[in-house]
PDB file of N, CA and C in Angstrom:
ATOM      1  N   UNK A   1     -18.715 -42.064 -47.858  1.00  0.00           N
ATOM      2  CA  UNK A   1     -20.033 -42.052 -47.235  1.00  0.00           C
ATOM      3  C   UNK A   1     -20.126 -43.131 -46.156  1.00  0.00           C
ATOM      4  N   UNK A   2     -19.495 -44.278 -46.403  1.00  0.00           N
ATOM      5  CA  UNK A   2     -19.560 -45.347 -45.404  1.00  0.00           C
ATOM      6  C   UNK A   2     -18.796 -44.957 -44.138  1.00  0.00           C
ATOM      7  N   UNK A   3     -17.748 -44.121 -44.281  1.00  0.00           N
ATOM      8  CA  UNK A   3     -17.029 -43.655 -43.096  1.00  0.00           C
ATOM      9  C   UNK A   3     -17.934 -42.816 -42.201  1.00  0.00           C
ATOM     10  N   UNK A   4     -18.742 -41.988 -42.818  1.00  0.00           N
ATOM     11  CA  UNK A   4     -19.672 -41.160 -42.060  1.00  0.00           C
ATOM     12  C   UNK A   4     -20.700 -42.023 -41.336  1.00  0.00           C
ATOM     13  N   UNK A   5     -21.225 -43.015 -42.011  1.00  0.00           N
ATOM     14  CA  UNK A   5     -22.222 -43.904 -41.402  1.00  0.00           C
ATOM     15  C   UNK A   5     -21.598 -44.677 -40.246  1.00  0.00           C
ATOM     16  N   UNK A   6     -20.378 -45.183 -40.442  1.00  0.00           N
ATOM     17  CA  UNK A   6     -19.688 -45.896 -39.358  1.00  0.00           C
ATOM     18  C   UNK A   6     -19.433 -44.970 -38.167  1.00  0.00           C
ATOM     19  N   UNK A   7     -19.030 -43.755 -38.461  1.00  0.00           N
ATOM     20  CA  UNK A   7     -18.791 -42.780 -37.396  1.00  0.00           C
ATOM     21  C   UNK A   7     -20.068 -42.530 -36.598  1.00  0.00           C
ATOM     22  N   UNK A   8     -21.174 -42.326 -37.287  1.00  0.00           N
ATOM     23  CA  UNK A   8     -22.443 -42.065 -36.603  1.00  0.00           C
ATOM     24  C   UNK A   8     -22.899 -43.268 -35.787  1.00  0.00           C
ATOM     25  N   UNK A   9     -22.695 -44.472 -36.300  1.00  0.00           N
ATOM     26  CA  UNK A   9     -23.051 -45.682 -35.548  1.00  0.00           C
ATOM     27  C   UNK A   9     -22.190 -45.810 -34.294  1.00  0.00           C
ATOM     28  N   UNK A  10     -20.883 -45.567 -34.453  1.00  0.00           N
ATOM     29  CA  UNK A  10     -19.987 -45.650 -33.300  1.00  0.00           C
ATOM     30  C   UNK A  10     -20.337 -44.599 -32.251  1.00  0.00           C
ATOM     31  N   UNK A  11     -20.663 -43.404 -32.720  1.00  0.00           N
ATOM     32  CA  UNK A  11     -21.039 -42.333 -31.801  1.00  0.00           C
ATOM     33  C   UNK A  11     -22.303 -42.697 -31.039  1.00  0.00           C
ATOM     34  N   UNK A  12     -23.264 -43.237 -31.738  1.00  0.00           N
ATOM     35  CA  UNK A  12     -24.512 -43.645 -31.090  1.00  0.00           C
ATOM     36  C   UNK A  12     -24.251 -44.743 -30.058  1.00  0.00           C
ATOM     37  N   UNK A  13     -23.376 -45.680 -30.397  1.00  0.00           N
ATOM     38  CA  UNK A  13     -23.034 -46.738 -29.453  1.00  0.00           C
ATOM     39  C   UNK A  13     -22.336 -46.198 -28.214  1.00  0.00           C
ATOM     40  N   UNK A  14     -21.446 -45.219 -28.406  1.00  0.00           N
ATOM     41  CA  UNK A  14     -20.748 -44.630 -27.264  1.00  0.00           C
ATOM     42  C   UNK A  14     -21.702 -43.850 -26.367  1.00  0.00           C
ATOM     43  N   UNK A  15     -22.681 -43.186 -26.962  1.00  0.00           N
ATOM     44  CA  UNK A  15     -23.638 -42.421 -26.161  1.00  0.00           C
ATOM     45  C   UNK A  15     -24.478 -43.320 -25.261  1.00  0.00           C
ATOM     46  N   UNK A  16     -24.618 -44.584 -25.630  1.00  0.00           N
ATOM     47  CA  UNK A  16     -25.361 -45.519 -24.774  1.00  0.00           C
ATOM     48  C   UNK A  16     -24.575 -45.869 -23.516  1.00  0.00           C
ATOM     49  N   UNK A  17     -23.244 -45.692 -23.564  1.00  0.00           N
ATOM     50  CA  UNK A  17     -22.395 -45.999 -22.417  1.00  0.00           C
ATOM     51  C   UNK A  17     -22.255 -44.821 -21.454  1.00  0.00           C
ATOM     52  N   UNK A  18     -22.744 -43.664 -21.850  1.00  0.00           N
ATOM     53  CA  UNK A  18     -22.617 -42.467 -21.021  1.00  0.00           C
ATOM     54  C   UNK A  18     -23.538 -42.584 -19.814  1.00  0.00           C
ATOM     55  N   UNK A  19     -23.010 -42.188 -18.662  1.00  0.00           N
ATOM     56  CA  UNK A  19     -23.812 -42.166 -17.445  1.00  0.00           C
ATOM     57  C   UNK A  19     -24.457 -40.784 -17.332  1.00  0.00           C
ATOM     58  N   UNK A  20     -25.703 -40.671 -17.771  1.00  0.00           N
ATOM     59  CA  UNK A  20     -26.396 -39.389 -17.793  1.00  0.00           C
ATOM     60  C   UNK A  20     -26.909 -39.048 -16.403  1.00  0.00           C
ATOM     61  N   UNK A  21     -26.899 -37.764 -16.013  1.00  0.00           N
ATOM     62  CA  UNK A  21     -27.427 -37.384 -14.700  1.00  0.00           C
ATOM     63  C   UNK A  21     -28.949 -37.525 -14.661  1.00  0.00           C
ATOM     64  N   UNK A  22     -29.441 -37.733 -13.456  1.00  0.00           N
ATOM     65  CA  UNK A  22     -30.889 -37.812 -13.283  1.00  0.00           C
ATOM     66  C   UNK A  22     -31.485 -36.409 -13.389  1.00  0.00           C
ATOM     67  N   UNK A  23     -32.791 -36.350 -13.479  1.00  0.00           N
ATOM     68  CA  UNK A  23     -33.467 -35.044 -13.555  1.00  0.00           C
ATOM     69  C   UNK A  23     -33.188 -34.229 -12.294  1.00  0.00           C
ATOM     70  N   UNK A  24     -33.196 -34.886 -11.143  1.00  0.00           N
ATOM     71  CA  UNK A  24     -32.944 -34.205  -9.878  1.00  0.00           C
ATOM     72  C   UNK A  24     -31.525 -33.633  -9.842  1.00  0.00           C
ATOM     73  N   UNK A  25     -30.544 -34.412 -10.297  1.00  0.00           N
ATOM     74  CA  UNK A  25     -29.164 -33.934 -10.340  1.00  0.00           C
ATOM     75  C   UNK A  25     -29.017 -32.754 -11.297  1.00  0.00           C
ATOM     76  N   UNK A  26     -29.668 -32.843 -12.440  1.00  0.00           N
ATOM     77  CA  UNK A  26     -29.585 -31.771 -13.431  1.00  0.00           C
ATOM     78  C   UNK A  26     -30.140 -30.471 -12.866  1.00  0.00           C
ATOM     79  N   UNK A  27     -31.263 -30.548 -12.178  1.00  0.00           N
ATOM     80  CA  UNK A  27     -31.860 -29.351 -11.572  1.00  0.00           C
ATOM     81  C   UNK A  27     -30.948 -28.799 -10.482  1.00  0.00           C
ATOM     82  N   UNK A  28     -30.398 -29.689  -9.647  1.00  0.00           N
ATOM     83  CA  UNK A  28     -29.512 -29.250  -8.567  1.00  0.00           C
ATOM     84  C   UNK A  28     -28.262 -28.571  -9.122  1.00  0.00           C
ATOM     85  N   UNK A  29     -27.651 -29.152 -10.138  1.00  0.00           N
ATOM     86  CA  UNK A  29     -26.453 -28.563 -10.732  1.00  0.00           C
ATOM     87  C   UNK A  29     -26.769 -27.227 -11.399  1.00  0.00           C
ATOM     88  N   UNK A  30     -27.934 -27.130 -12.016  1.00  0.00           N
ATOM     89  CA  UNK A  30     -28.338 -25.878 -12.658  1.00  0.00           C
ATOM     90  C   UNK A  30     -28.514 -24.780 -11.620  1.00  0.00           C
ATOM     91  N   UNK A  31     -29.130 -25.113 -10.498  1.00  0.00           N
ATOM     92  CA  UNK A  31     -29.319 -24.136  -9.422  1.00  0.00           C
ATOM     93  C   UNK A  31     -27.961 -23.683  -8.886  1.00  0.00           C
ATOM     94  N   UNK A  32     -27.037 -24.619  -8.715  1.00  0.00           N
ATOM     95  CA  UNK A  32     -25.698 -24.266  -8.231  1.00  0.00           C
ATOM     96  C   UNK A  32     -25.016 -23.307  -9.201  1.00  0.00           C
ATOM     97  N   UNK A  33     -25.089 -23.598 -10.484  1.00  0.00           N
ATOM     98  CA  UNK A  33     -24.458 -22.735 -11.490  1.00  0.00           C
ATOM     99  C   UNK A  33     -25.075 -21.339 -11.463  1.00  0.00           C
ATOM    100  N   UNK A  34     -26.389 -21.257 -11.352  1.00  0.00           N
ATOM    101  CA  UNK A  34     -27.053 -19.949 -11.313  1.00  0.00           C
ATOM    102  C   UNK A  34     -26.643 -19.176 -10.062  1.00  0.00           C
ATOM    103  N   UNK A  35     -26.630 -19.838  -8.912  1.00  0.00           N
ATOM    104  CA  UNK A  35     -26.257 -19.160  -7.669  1.00  0.00           C
ATOM    105  C   UNK A  35     -24.811 -18.683  -7.699  1.00  0.00           C
ATOM    106  N   UNK A  36     -23.910 -19.509  -8.189  1.00  0.00           N
ATOM    107  CA  UNK A  36     -22.504 -19.109  -8.281  1.00  0.00           C
ATOM    108  C   UNK A  36     -22.357 -17.939  -9.246  1.00  0.00           C
ATOM    109  N   UNK A  37     -23.075 -17.978 -10.348  1.00  0.00           N
ATOM    110  CA  UNK A  37     -23.013 -16.880 -11.322  1.00  0.00           C
ATOM    111  C   UNK A  37     -23.504 -15.576 -10.704  1.00  0.00           C
ATOM    112  N   UNK A  38     -24.597 -15.630  -9.958  1.00  0.00           N
ATOM    113  CA  UNK A  38     -25.125 -14.429  -9.305  1.00  0.00           C
ATOM    114  C   UNK A  38     -24.128 -13.917  -8.269  1.00  0.00           C
ATOM    115  N   UNK A  39     -23.576 -14.815  -7.465  1.00  0.00           N
ATOM    116  CA  UNK A  39     -22.609 -14.417  -6.441  1.00  0.00           C
ATOM    117  C   UNK A  39     -21.378 -13.762  -7.065  1.00  0.00           C
ATOM    118  N   UNK A  40     -20.836 -14.361  -8.105  1.00  0.00           N
ATOM    119  CA  UNK A  40     -19.644 -13.812  -8.759  1.00  0.00           C
ATOM    120  C   UNK A  40     -19.954 -12.458  -9.390  1.00  0.00           C
ATOM    121  N   UNK A  41     -21.126 -12.320  -9.996  1.00  0.00           N
ATOM    122  CA  UNK A  41     -21.469 -11.030 -10.610  1.00  0.00           C
ATOM    123  C   UNK A  41     -21.625  -9.941  -9.552  1.00  0.00           C
ATOM    124  N   UNK A  42     -22.208 -10.257  -8.411  1.00  0.00           N
ATOM    125  CA  UNK A  42     -22.330  -9.282  -7.323  1.00  0.00           C
ATOM    126  C   UNK A  42     -20.948  -8.927  -6.780  1.00  0.00           C
ATOM    127  N   UNK A  43     -20.112  -9.921  -6.584  1.00  0.00           N
ATOM    128  CA  UNK A  43     -18.751  -9.728  -6.085  1.00  0.00           C
ATOM    129  C   UNK A  43     -17.957  -8.819  -7.021  1.00  0.00           C
ATOM    130  N   UNK A  44     -17.974  -9.126  -8.309  1.00  0.00           N
ATOM    131  CA  UNK A  44     -17.240  -8.319  -9.284  1.00  0.00           C
ATOM    132  C   UNK A  44     -17.843  -6.923  -9.421  1.00  0.00           C
ATOM    133  N   UNK A  45     -19.155  -6.832  -9.374  1.00  0.00           N
ATOM    134  CA  UNK A  45     -19.813  -5.536  -9.443  1.00  0.00           C
ATOM    135  C   UNK A  45     -19.457  -4.650  -8.261  1.00  0.00           C
ATOM    136  N   UNK A  46     -19.369  -5.244  -7.081  1.00  0.00           N
ATOM    137  CA  UNK A  46     -18.983  -4.497  -5.885  1.00  0.00           C
ATOM    138  C   UNK A  46     -17.586  -3.909  -6.042  1.00  0.00           C
ATOM    139  N   UNK A  47     -16.629  -4.741  -6.444  1.00  0.00           N
ATOM    140  CA  UNK A  47     -15.264  -4.249  -6.601  1.00  0.00           C
ATOM    141  C   UNK A  47     -15.144  -3.259  -7.757  1.00  0.00           C
ATOM    142  N   UNK A  48     -15.901  -3.442  -8.791  1.00  0.00           N
ATOM    143  CA  UNK A  48     -15.914  -2.479  -9.891  1.00  0.00           C
ATOM    144  C   UNK A  48     -16.412  -1.128  -9.393  1.00  0.00           C
ATOM    145  N   UNK A  49     -17.439  -1.146  -8.587  1.00  0.00           N
ATOM    146  CA  UNK A  49     -17.986   0.091  -8.026  1.00  0.00           C
ATOM    147  C   UNK A  49     -16.954   0.778  -7.130  1.00  0.00           C
ATOM    148  N   UNK A  50     -16.299   0.010  -6.259  1.00  0.00           N
ATOM    149  CA  UNK A  50     -15.286   0.566  -5.356  1.00  0.00           C
ATOM    150  C   UNK A  50     -14.136   1.173  -6.150  1.00  0.00           C
ATOM    151  N   UNK A  51     -13.627   0.441  -7.136  1.00  0.00           N
ATOM    152  CA  UNK A  51     -12.515   0.955  -7.933  1.00  0.00           C
ATOM    153  C   UNK A  51     -12.930   2.178  -8.746  1.00  0.00           C
ATOM    154  N   UNK A  52     -14.160   2.221  -9.187  1.00  0.00           N
ATOM    155  CA  UNK A  52     -14.653   3.400  -9.905  1.00  0.00           C
ATOM    156  C   UNK A  52     -14.667   4.619  -8.988  1.00  0.00           C
ATOM    157  N   UNK A  53     -15.115   4.426  -7.743  1.00  0.00           N
ATOM    158  CA  UNK A  53     -15.103   5.533  -6.786  1.00  0.00           C
ATOM    159  C   UNK A  53     -13.684   6.011  -6.514  1.00  0.00           C
ATOM    160  N   UNK A  54     -12.773   5.077  -6.344  1.00  0.00           N
ATOM    161  CA  UNK A  54     -11.374   5.435  -6.091  1.00  0.00           C
ATOM    162  C   UNK A  54     -10.804   6.216  -7.272  1.00  0.00           C
ATOM    163  N   UNK A  55     -11.073   5.758  -8.469  1.00  0.00           N
ATOM    164  CA  UNK A  55     -10.573   6.454  -9.655  1.00  0.00           C
ATOM    165  C   UNK A  55     -11.162   7.853  -9.776  1.00  0.00           C
ATOM    166  N   UNK A  56     -12.430   7.996  -9.474  1.00  0.00           N
ATOM    167  CA  UNK A  56     -13.070   9.310  -9.568  1.00  0.00           C
ATOM    168  C   UNK A  56     -12.487  10.290  -8.552  1.00  0.00           C
ATOM    169  N   UNK A  57     -12.170   9.807  -7.354  1.00  0.00           N
ATOM    170  CA  UNK A  57     -11.664  10.696  -6.312  1.00  0.00           C
ATOM    171  C   UNK A  57     -10.201  11.070  -6.523  1.00  0.00           C
ATOM    172  N   UNK A  58      -9.385  10.127  -6.969  1.00  0.00           N
ATOM    173  CA  UNK A  58      -7.949  10.363  -6.991  1.00  0.00           C
ATOM    174  C   UNK A  58      -7.354  10.581  -8.377  1.00  0.00           C
ATOM    175  N   UNK A  59      -7.964  10.066  -9.394  1.00  0.00           N
ATOM    176  CA  UNK A  59      -7.359  10.142 -10.720  1.00  0.00           C
ATOM    177  C   UNK A  59      -8.084  11.133 -11.605  1.00  0.00           C
ATOM    178  N   UNK A  60      -9.367  11.032 -11.672  1.00  0.00           N
ATOM    179  CA  UNK A  60     -10.115  11.875 -12.609  1.00  0.00           C
ATOM    180  C   UNK A  60     -10.446  13.167 -11.983  1.00  0.00           C
TER     181      UNK A  60
END
């Protein structure tokens, strides 16, 4: 049990040393992730559509 308590104390101490992002940085990074996700999904969806058309015309 004392090992668990020591572990939790050490973890709490280490978390105080972490350089946390500001609210502005967090919002900016979140927007970037959302935009990249939307762009990649559109990109992949476009190629999926093209390959589906090709398969329908030539294979199926």
